[in-house]
Amino acid sequence: MPKEILMPELAESVVEGEILKWLVAEGDYLKKDQPFVEVMTDKVTVELPSPYEGVLVKKLAREGEVVKVHAPIALLAEPGEGVEPPVQAREERSIVEPGLPAKEEKEDLSLFKPDPTQVAVKNPFLSTPPTPEAPKGPGGRVLAVPAARKLARELGIPIEAVPGSGPLGRVRVEDVRAYAAKQGASRPAPPPQEAPKEAPSLPPGFPPPPRYTPPKGYEGLEERVPLRGIRRTIAHGLWQSHLYTVRTLNVDEADLTELVALRERLKPEAERQGVRLTYLPFIAKAVVRALKKFPMLNASLDEERQEIVYKRYYHLGLAVATERGLIVPVLRDADRKSILELAQEITELSAKAREGRLSPEEVTGSTFTITNIGSVGATLSFPIINLPEAAILGVHSIRKRPWVMPDGSIQARDIMYLSLSFDHRLVDGAEAARFTREVIRLLENPEVLLLEM
């Protein structure tokens, strides 16, 4: 019997994946762990390895389709098994294609024949008289339309117990509804659940999103593509950040002349060790040191339970611009790594992000994010908080500017702006300012950063 290959749960918060490209054809023989399909989630693009060995007898999703986690995407059979895949294998797959109506799947009823050996069985979950076992289709599954199967799951009714009125006993939606109405009084009530603590919600009468209409006469000069993958993730993340944080900005400036000189001195030695030394490892080290001094910046707000979560670990998100959009790989346990170790890992994560090779673990769990908008020449920005974090630090281009020195003289110095976006529900303005000043103090005295591994 063919085995179903399911869409895996690639990360804790990932609920679906888009089939980007099939790497094999139907009829191809797959070895276990051989990549067979490329999938894009809202976090990463990965090649899925086959969990079994055998022949790919059927693809259950087309390229461009979005499939829910744990739904079947392919059928694999033993060589020479010659079993046609059951049509019901596609029933529970949820396809998200904006603007396209759902397609009703049809089954070949000639495959099903009544089994004269069927006997009455008793459903242990219901206090009702015995009912005949529902007719089975290929693979041993009850013959039912997809909508009926879905409704039965939602109502908590075993589909096997529902008498079908369709051809050859197929269970229809109206059969499930009639059965639920008849048995509703005898079904046990679900256990009471503790009501969640009060959490912020949208205000009453919140206006719907605006509708887009093209200018009159220009309808044929537009191209429409579905909002999917990374771009959809960015859009939804920014929308959530806008709605569920009270975003405030603190801006300060740092004199990085000493850091520029130190980096120039260390670059040759770093290159001899095969490491590309940028300014970002120094900034990451300074941020971690400041987070330990100001733990509220390394916290999150649990909206449902209305609790502040202080994190005693330091995973830095690093915003990386790619052709597909902004990706945020995570530099885990940044407080335990040296400047050169941070530099090496930053280079590797950035390369993986641009090539689409990040694993789910490498894009989840950040506690604070740094976005280096200065790498594209920006002078100043207002970064969007990466939920559920409390803050994000924007670092910008280093430029020569006139600077008043302590003795009153004016010199050309290497100056950079820092912009800290923070959730004002968690962080007070004074605390945000002191955090930024601590980062600046460490960057203006970079030798201090080298004293800690």
Protein backbone atom coordinates (compact mmCIF):
# COMPACT_ATOMS: atom_id res chain seq x y z
CA MET A 1 0.00 0.00 0.00
CA PRO A 2 1.42 3.44 -0.88
CA LYS A 3 2.77 5.53 1.98
CA GLU A 4 1.78 9.18 2.34
CA ILE A 5 4.53 11.78 2.60
CA LEU A 6 3.23 14.65 4.72
CA MET A 7 4.17 18.31 4.79
CA PRO A 8 6.48 18.45 7.84
CA GLU A 9 6.33 21.02 10.61
CA LEU A 10 9.50 22.86 9.68
CA ALA A 11 9.35 25.26 12.64
CA GLU A 12 7.15 25.82 15.66
CA SER A 13 5.13 28.69 14.18
CA VAL A 14 5.03 27.44 10.56
CA VAL A 15 1.55 26.22 9.57
CA GLU A 16 1.90 25.80 5.80
CA GLY A 17 4.39 25.60 2.97
CA GLU A 18 4.38 26.47 -0.71
CA ILE A 19 5.49 23.85 -3.22
CA LEU A 20 8.17 25.68 -5.20
CA LYS A 21 9.65 22.93 -7.35
CA TRP A 22 9.43 19.16 -7.67
CA LEU A 23 12.94 17.73 -7.93
CA VAL A 24 11.76 14.32 -9.18
CA ALA A 25 9.06 13.00 -11.51
CA GLU A 26 6.28 10.51 -10.90
CA GLY A 27 7.69 7.04 -11.37
CA ASP A 28 11.16 7.98 -10.12
CA TYR A 29 12.77 5.81 -7.45
CA LEU A 30 13.63 7.68 -4.24
CA LYS A 31 16.19 6.68 -1.68
CA LYS A 32 15.56 7.53 1.95
CA ASP A 33 16.67 11.12 2.79
CA GLN A 34 16.95 11.99 -0.93
CA PRO A 35 15.68 15.57 -1.60
CA PHE A 36 12.52 15.34 -3.68
CA VAL A 37 10.73 18.70 -3.45
CA GLU A 38 11.60 22.32 -2.72
CA VAL A 39 9.26 24.01 -0.24
CA MET A 40 9.08 27.66 0.82
CA THR A 41 7.57 28.54 4.19
CA ASP A 42 7.11 31.92 5.78
CA LYS A 43 10.61 31.59 7.22
CA VAL A 44 12.85 29.47 5.00
CA THR A 45 13.15 27.66 1.68
CA VAL A 46 14.20 24.04 2.08
CA GLU A 47 14.56 20.84 0.07
CA LEU A 48 12.55 18.12 1.81
CA PRO A 49 14.23 14.71 2.17
CA SER A 50 12.15 11.62 1.53
CA PRO A 51 11.26 9.85 4.81
CA TYR A 52 10.93 6.52 2.97
CA GLU A 53 12.49 4.57 0.11
CA GLY A 54 10.38 3.66 -2.89
CA VAL A 55 8.75 4.86 -6.10
CA LEU A 56 7.00 8.23 -6.24
CA VAL A 57 3.64 7.12 -7.62
CA LYS A 58 1.74 10.39 -7.23
CA LYS A 59 2.34 14.08 -6.57
CA LEU A 60 -0.56 15.42 -4.51
CA ALA A 61 0.29 19.11 -4.88
CA ARG A 62 1.20 21.26 -7.85
CA GLU A 63 4.04 23.74 -7.99
CA GLY A 64 2.77 27.04 -6.59
CA GLU A 65 0.22 25.44 -4.26
CA VAL A 66 0.26 26.17 -0.53
CA VAL A 67 -0.23 23.09 1.64
CA LYS A 68 -0.99 22.91 5.35
CA VAL A 69 1.44 21.23 7.73
CA HIS A 70 0.74 17.48 8.22
CA ALA A 71 -1.27 17.29 4.97
CA PRO A 72 -0.17 14.72 2.32
CA ILE A 73 1.91 15.98 -0.60
CA ALA A 74 3.00 12.73 -2.26
CA LEU A 75 2.51 8.96 -2.32
CA LEU A 76 5.39 6.51 -2.27
CA ALA A 77 5.10 2.78 -3.09
CA GLU A 78 7.35 -0.25 -3.17
CA PRO A 79 8.81 -1.03 -6.64
CA GLY A 80 6.30 -2.98 -8.72
CA GLU A 81 3.50 -2.46 -6.21
CA GLY A 82 1.32 -1.02 -8.96
CA VAL A 83 -1.28 0.48 -6.67
CA GLU A 84 -3.21 3.48 -7.85
CA PRO A 85 -3.13 6.24 -5.22
CA PRO A 86 -6.41 6.80 -3.36
CA VAL A 87 -8.15 9.96 -4.40
CA GLN A 88 -9.02 10.70 -0.79
CA ALA A 89 -5.32 11.35 -0.15
CA ARG A 90 -5.90 14.87 -1.45
CA GLU A 91 -9.06 15.48 0.58
CA GLU A 92 -7.49 16.94 3.68
CA ARG A 93 -4.94 19.09 1.90
CA SER A 94 -5.72 22.77 2.30
CA ILE A 95 -4.78 24.82 -0.74
CA VAL A 96 -4.50 28.57 -0.41
CA GLU A 97 -4.69 30.20 -3.81
CA PRO A 98 -6.08 33.75 -3.67
CA GLY A 99 -8.79 34.35 -6.22
CA LEU A 100 -9.23 30.70 -7.21
CA PRO A 101 -12.35 28.74 -6.17
CA ALA A 102 -11.92 25.42 -4.39
CA LYS A 103 -12.12 22.45 -6.75
CA GLU A 104 -14.37 19.53 -5.88
CA GLU A 105 -12.57 16.22 -6.24
CA LYS A 106 -14.37 13.26 -7.73
CA GLU A 107 -13.79 9.59 -7.06
CA ASP A 108 -14.14 6.65 -9.42
CA LEU A 109 -17.07 4.77 -7.89
CA SER A 110 -16.24 1.70 -9.96
CA LEU A 111 -13.39 1.02 -7.54
CA PHE A 112 -15.81 0.37 -4.69
CA LYS A 113 -17.95 -2.74 -4.26
CA PRO A 114 -20.16 -3.63 -1.28
CA ASP A 115 -18.53 -6.14 1.01
CA PRO A 116 -20.99 -8.93 1.84
CA THR A 117 -18.89 -9.89 4.85
CA GLN A 118 -19.61 -6.60 6.62
CA VAL A 119 -21.10 -7.09 10.09
CA ALA A 120 -22.67 -4.78 12.60
CA VAL A 121 -20.18 -3.15 14.93
CA LYS A 122 -20.70 -1.11 18.04
CA ASN A 123 -19.22 2.38 18.34
CA PRO A 124 -17.65 2.57 21.80
CA PHE A 125 -17.95 6.37 21.82
CA LEU A 126 -21.74 6.55 21.37
CA SER A 127 -24.60 5.01 23.33
CA THR A 128 -26.57 3.99 20.23
CA PRO A 129 -27.63 0.71 18.62
CA PRO A 130 -25.05 -0.98 16.41
CA THR A 131 -24.76 0.39 12.88
CA PRO A 132 -23.30 -1.24 9.77
CA GLU A 133 -19.67 -0.43 9.12
CA ALA A 134 -19.35 2.24 6.46
CA PRO A 135 -18.11 1.07 3.02
CA LYS A 136 -14.38 1.36 2.60
CA GLY A 137 -12.45 2.74 -0.36
CA PRO A 138 -8.87 2.04 -1.48
CA GLY A 139 -6.51 2.18 1.47
CA GLY A 140 -9.23 1.13 3.91
CA ARG A 141 -10.66 4.63 4.44
CA VAL A 142 -14.37 5.27 4.77
CA LEU A 143 -15.98 6.46 1.55
CA ALA A 144 -16.94 10.10 2.23
CA VAL A 145 -16.83 13.45 0.48
CA PRO A 146 -14.08 15.79 1.71
CA ALA A 147 -16.50 18.32 3.21
CA ALA A 148 -18.23 15.59 5.21
CA ARG A 149 -14.94 14.30 6.56
CA LYS A 150 -13.93 17.82 7.58
CA LEU A 151 -17.28 18.50 9.29
CA ALA A 152 -17.08 15.21 11.19
CA ARG A 153 -13.64 16.13 12.51
CA GLU A 154 -14.88 19.55 13.62
CA LEU A 155 -17.85 17.99 15.45
CA GLY A 156 -15.77 15.25 17.02
CA ILE A 157 -17.74 12.47 15.30
CA PRO A 158 -16.03 9.27 14.07
CA ILE A 159 -16.73 9.25 10.34
CA GLU A 160 -16.98 5.45 10.49
CA ALA A 161 -20.17 5.74 12.59
CA VAL A 162 -22.09 7.93 10.13
CA PRO A 163 -24.47 6.08 7.77
CA GLY A 164 -23.95 7.29 4.22
CA SER A 165 -26.79 8.07 1.82
CA GLY A 166 -24.68 8.64 -1.29
CA PRO A 167 -23.79 6.17 -4.04
CA LEU A 168 -22.46 2.91 -2.55
CA GLY A 169 -22.92 4.34 0.93
CA ARG A 170 -20.77 7.43 0.52
CA VAL A 171 -21.06 9.79 3.51
CA ARG A 172 -22.29 13.26 2.59
CA VAL A 173 -22.37 16.53 4.53
CA GLU A 174 -26.09 16.19 5.23
CA ASP A 175 -25.45 12.71 6.65
CA VAL A 176 -22.97 14.10 9.16
CA ARG A 177 -25.33 16.91 10.14
CA ALA A 178 -28.25 14.53 10.59
CA TYR A 179 -26.14 12.15 12.65
CA ALA A 180 -24.84 15.00 14.82
CA ALA A 181 -28.37 16.30 15.44
CA LYS A 182 -29.58 12.82 16.39
CA GLN A 183 -26.68 12.02 18.69
CA GLY A 184 -26.00 15.49 20.08
CA ALA A 185 -27.83 14.85 23.35
CA SER A 186 -25.80 11.72 24.13
CA ARG A 187 -22.36 13.14 23.33
CA PRO A 188 -20.32 14.19 26.37
CA ALA A 189 -19.70 17.87 26.80
CA PRO A 190 -16.11 19.01 26.23
CA PRO A 191 -14.11 19.67 29.41
CA PRO A 192 -14.18 23.28 30.54
CA GLN A 193 -11.13 25.30 29.60
CA GLU A 194 -9.60 28.06 31.61
CA ALA A 195 -10.46 31.39 30.05
CA PRO A 196 -7.37 33.29 28.92
CA LYS A 197 -6.54 36.46 30.73
CA GLU A 198 -7.71 39.64 29.13
CA ALA A 199 -5.49 40.67 26.23
CA PRO A 200 -5.51 43.68 23.92
CA SER A 201 -7.96 43.46 21.02
CA LEU A 202 -8.92 45.53 18.02
CA PRO A 203 -11.20 48.45 18.86
CA PRO A 204 -14.92 48.10 18.07
CA GLY A 205 -15.81 49.06 14.53
CA PHE A 206 -12.21 48.65 13.33
CA PRO A 207 -12.34 49.66 9.65
CA PRO A 208 -11.80 47.01 6.98
CA PRO A 209 -8.70 47.19 4.79
CA PRO A 210 -8.95 49.58 1.85
CA ARG A 211 -9.94 48.15 -1.53
CA TYR A 212 -7.60 48.72 -4.43
CA THR A 213 -8.94 49.75 -7.81
CA PRO A 214 -6.74 50.67 -10.77
CA PRO A 215 -7.06 54.09 -12.39
CA LYS A 216 -9.70 54.15 -15.09
CA GLY A 217 -8.24 53.23 -18.44
CA TYR A 218 -5.08 51.63 -17.00
CA GLU A 219 -6.50 48.22 -16.02
CA GLY A 220 -4.51 46.37 -18.67
CA LEU A 221 -1.19 47.91 -17.64
CA GLU A 222 -0.87 46.08 -14.32
CA GLU A 223 0.53 42.72 -13.32
CA ARG A 224 -0.85 40.81 -10.33
CA VAL A 225 0.99 38.09 -8.42
CA PRO A 226 -0.14 36.30 -5.24
CA LEU A 227 1.18 37.62 -1.94
CA ARG A 228 3.14 34.53 -0.89
CA GLY A 229 6.23 33.23 0.80
CA ILE A 230 8.74 35.66 2.25
CA ARG A 231 6.88 38.76 1.06
CA ARG A 232 3.67 37.60 2.73
CA THR A 233 5.58 36.85 5.93
CA ILE A 234 7.09 40.33 5.90
CA ALA A 235 3.70 41.94 5.29
CA HIS A 236 1.95 39.98 8.04
CA GLY A 237 4.81 40.47 10.48
CA LEU A 238 4.85 44.23 9.97
CA TRP A 239 1.07 44.35 10.31
CA GLN A 240 1.24 42.44 13.61
CA SER A 241 4.08 44.62 14.86
CA HIS A 242 2.12 47.76 14.02
CA LEU A 243 -1.02 46.52 15.79
CA TYR A 244 0.49 44.86 18.86
CA THR A 245 3.33 47.13 19.90
CA VAL A 246 3.52 50.72 21.04
CA ARG A 247 6.54 51.50 18.88
CA THR A 248 8.76 54.39 19.92
CA LEU A 249 12.11 55.57 18.56
CA ASN A 250 15.30 56.62 20.32
CA VAL A 251 18.13 58.02 18.16
CA ASP A 252 21.72 58.70 19.19
CA GLU A 253 25.12 59.06 17.52
CA ALA A 254 28.43 57.35 18.14
CA ASP A 255 32.00 58.37 17.37
CA LEU A 256 33.46 55.18 15.89
CA THR A 257 36.85 56.60 14.94
CA GLU A 258 38.65 54.29 17.40
CA LEU A 259 36.63 51.27 16.24
CA VAL A 260 37.45 52.03 12.60
CA ALA A 261 41.15 52.12 13.45
CA LEU A 262 41.01 48.95 15.54
CA ARG A 263 39.21 47.02 12.81
CA GLU A 264 41.84 48.08 10.27
CA ARG A 265 44.57 46.76 12.57
CA LEU A 266 42.80 43.45 13.15
CA LYS A 267 41.68 42.75 9.57
CA PRO A 268 44.99 41.24 8.35
CA GLU A 269 45.11 38.78 11.26
CA ALA A 270 41.44 37.88 10.78
CA GLU A 271 42.07 37.25 7.07
CA ARG A 272 44.99 34.95 7.92
CA GLN A 273 42.50 32.93 9.98
CA GLY A 274 40.03 32.91 7.10
CA VAL A 275 37.60 35.34 8.71
CA ARG A 276 36.06 38.43 7.11
CA LEU A 277 35.97 41.06 9.86
CA THR A 278 33.21 43.69 9.56
CA TYR A 279 31.85 46.13 12.12
CA LEU A 280 28.83 43.95 12.89
CA PRO A 281 30.63 41.51 15.26
CA PHE A 282 31.73 44.45 17.42
CA ILE A 283 28.20 45.85 17.42
CA ALA A 284 26.77 42.42 18.32
CA LYS A 285 29.20 42.07 21.21
CA ALA A 286 28.35 45.56 22.49
CA VAL A 287 24.61 44.86 22.23
CA VAL A 288 24.88 41.64 24.24
CA ARG A 289 26.88 43.40 26.96
CA ALA A 290 24.24 46.15 27.12
CA LEU A 291 21.35 43.63 27.17
CA LYS A 292 22.82 42.01 30.27
CA LYS A 293 22.83 45.40 31.94
CA PHE A 294 19.30 46.28 30.75
CA PRO A 295 17.36 42.96 30.72
CA MET A 296 14.04 44.58 29.81
CA LEU A 297 15.37 45.01 26.27
CA ASN A 298 15.82 41.21 26.08
CA ALA A 299 12.24 40.45 27.15
CA SER A 300 8.89 39.68 25.52
CA LEU A 301 5.26 40.22 26.47
CA ASP A 302 3.11 37.08 26.54
CA GLU A 303 -0.14 38.64 25.33
CA GLU A 304 -2.41 35.71 26.19
CA ARG A 305 -1.18 35.24 29.74
CA GLN A 306 -0.31 38.90 30.27
CA GLU A 307 3.15 38.12 31.60
CA ILE A 308 6.56 39.65 30.92
CA VAL A 309 9.10 37.00 29.88
CA TYR A 310 12.70 37.80 30.80
CA LYS A 311 15.18 35.74 28.76
CA ARG A 312 18.47 34.64 30.25
CA TYR A 313 19.86 33.72 26.85
CA TYR A 314 20.99 36.01 24.05
CA HIS A 315 20.02 35.06 20.50
CA LEU A 316 20.56 37.98 18.13
CA GLY A 317 18.48 38.28 14.98
CA LEU A 318 20.43 39.74 12.06
CA ALA A 319 18.30 41.29 9.32
CA VAL A 320 19.72 40.34 5.90
CA ALA A 321 18.49 41.82 2.62
CA THR A 322 18.06 39.16 -0.08
CA GLU A 323 16.52 39.02 -3.54
CA ARG A 324 13.44 37.36 -2.03
CA GLY A 325 13.04 39.90 0.77
CA LEU A 326 14.30 40.54 4.28
CA ILE A 327 15.43 37.39 6.14
CA VAL A 328 16.39 37.35 9.83
CA PRO A 329 18.78 34.50 10.67
CA VAL A 330 19.59 34.03 14.34
CA LEU A 331 23.01 34.24 15.96
CA ARG A 332 22.46 31.88 18.89
CA ASP A 333 24.22 32.30 22.25
CA ALA A 334 26.01 35.41 21.05
CA ASP A 335 27.24 36.10 24.59
CA ARG A 336 29.42 32.96 24.52
CA LYS A 337 31.37 33.80 21.37
CA SER A 338 34.46 35.87 20.62
CA ILE A 339 34.64 38.66 18.06
CA LEU A 340 36.17 36.33 15.45
CA GLU A 341 33.63 33.59 16.16
CA LEU A 342 30.81 36.08 15.76
CA ALA A 343 32.35 37.35 12.52
CA GLN A 344 32.63 33.85 11.06
CA GLU A 345 29.07 32.90 11.99
CA ILE A 346 27.65 36.18 10.70
CA THR A 347 29.33 35.59 7.33
CA GLU A 348 27.99 32.03 7.14
CA LEU A 349 24.42 32.95 8.14
CA SER A 350 24.32 35.86 5.71
CA ALA A 351 25.48 33.63 2.85
CA LYS A 352 22.89 30.99 3.72
CA ALA A 353 20.15 33.62 3.85
CA ARG A 354 20.99 34.98 0.39
CA GLU A 355 21.22 31.46 -1.07
CA GLY A 356 18.02 30.24 0.62
CA ARG A 357 19.83 27.52 2.59
CA LEU A 358 18.84 28.44 6.15
CA SER A 359 17.40 25.70 8.34
CA PRO A 360 14.27 26.33 10.46
CA GLU A 361 16.41 26.43 13.61
CA GLU A 362 18.50 29.22 12.11
CA VAL A 363 15.54 31.61 11.71
CA THR A 364 13.69 31.11 15.01
CA GLY A 365 14.13 32.06 18.64
CA SER A 366 15.75 35.50 18.41
CA THR A 367 15.54 37.67 21.53
CA PHE A 368 16.76 40.99 20.06
CA THR A 369 17.37 42.04 16.45
CA ILE A 370 19.99 44.19 14.75
CA THR A 371 19.31 45.59 11.29
CA ASN A 372 22.32 46.95 9.42
CA ILE A 373 20.61 49.43 7.14
CA GLY A 374 23.91 51.26 6.82
CA SER A 375 25.18 48.50 4.54
CA VAL A 376 23.09 50.05 1.75
CA GLY A 377 24.10 53.61 2.61
CA ALA A 378 21.18 54.72 4.81
CA THR A 379 21.82 57.57 7.21
CA LEU A 380 18.85 57.04 9.54
CA SER A 381 15.82 54.74 9.80
CA PHE A 382 12.88 53.77 12.03
CA PRO A 383 13.11 49.94 12.23
CA ILE A 384 10.03 47.78 12.80
CA ILE A 385 10.13 45.59 15.93
CA ASN A 386 10.51 41.88 15.21
CA LEU A 387 7.71 40.36 17.30
CA PRO A 388 7.67 39.09 20.00
CA GLU A 389 10.84 40.98 20.86
CA ALA A 390 10.89 44.20 22.86
CA ALA A 391 13.24 46.19 20.62
CA ILE A 392 15.34 46.35 17.48
CA LEU A 393 18.53 48.33 16.86
CA GLY A 394 19.17 49.99 13.53
CA VAL A 395 22.82 50.69 12.68
CA HIS A 396 23.65 53.02 9.82
CA SER A 397 26.46 54.14 7.57
CA ILE A 398 29.68 55.45 9.08
CA ARG A 399 30.51 58.87 7.65
CA LYS A 400 33.12 61.54 8.22
CA ARG A 401 31.55 64.47 10.03
CA PRO A 402 32.84 67.51 11.91
CA TRP A 403 32.93 66.65 15.60
CA VAL A 404 33.54 68.84 18.64
CA MET A 405 36.22 67.21 20.80
CA PRO A 406 36.43 67.50 24.61
CA ASP A 407 39.08 70.24 24.30
CA GLY A 408 36.79 72.30 22.06
CA SER A 409 38.59 71.57 18.83
CA ILE A 410 36.73 70.39 15.76
CA GLN A 411 37.92 67.27 13.97
CA ALA A 412 36.69 65.05 11.15
CA ARG A 413 35.52 61.88 12.90
CA ASP A 414 33.82 58.63 11.84
CA ILE A 415 30.25 59.05 13.07
CA MET A 416 27.32 56.61 12.96
CA TYR A 417 23.67 57.04 13.98
CA LEU A 418 21.95 54.36 16.06
CA SER A 419 18.17 54.11 16.07
CA LEU A 420 16.47 51.97 18.71
CA SER A 421 12.81 51.07 18.13
CA PHE A 422 11.29 49.74 21.33
CA ASP A 423 7.91 48.66 22.66
CA HIS A 424 6.95 51.38 25.11
CA ARG A 425 4.69 48.96 26.99
CA LEU A 426 7.81 47.13 28.18
CA VAL A 427 10.60 49.69 27.99
CA ASP A 428 10.56 53.21 29.36
CA GLY A 429 12.13 55.99 27.32
CA ALA A 430 14.87 56.63 29.89
CA GLU A 431 15.82 52.96 29.95
CA ALA A 432 15.96 52.85 26.15
CA ALA A 433 18.21 55.90 26.11
CA ARG A 434 20.55 54.43 28.73
CA PHE A 435 20.74 51.15 26.82
CA THR A 436 21.70 52.99 23.63
CA ARG A 437 24.30 55.04 25.48
CA GLU A 438 25.82 51.84 26.90
CA VAL A 439 26.12 50.39 23.40
CA ILE A 440 27.77 53.62 22.26
CA ARG A 441 30.18 53.65 25.23
CA LEU A 442 31.38 50.17 24.34
CA LEU A 443 31.72 50.96 20.63
CA GLU A 444 33.66 54.15 21.36
CA ASN A 445 36.03 52.12 23.56
CA PRO A 446 36.30 48.94 21.46
CA GLU A 447 39.28 47.49 23.30
CA VAL A 448 36.90 46.73 26.18
CA LEU A 449 34.96 44.36 23.92
CA LEU A 450 38.09 42.27 23.37
CA LEU A 451 38.47 41.56 27.09
CA GLU A 452 35.46 39.23 27.16
CA MET A 453 35.12 36.00 25.21
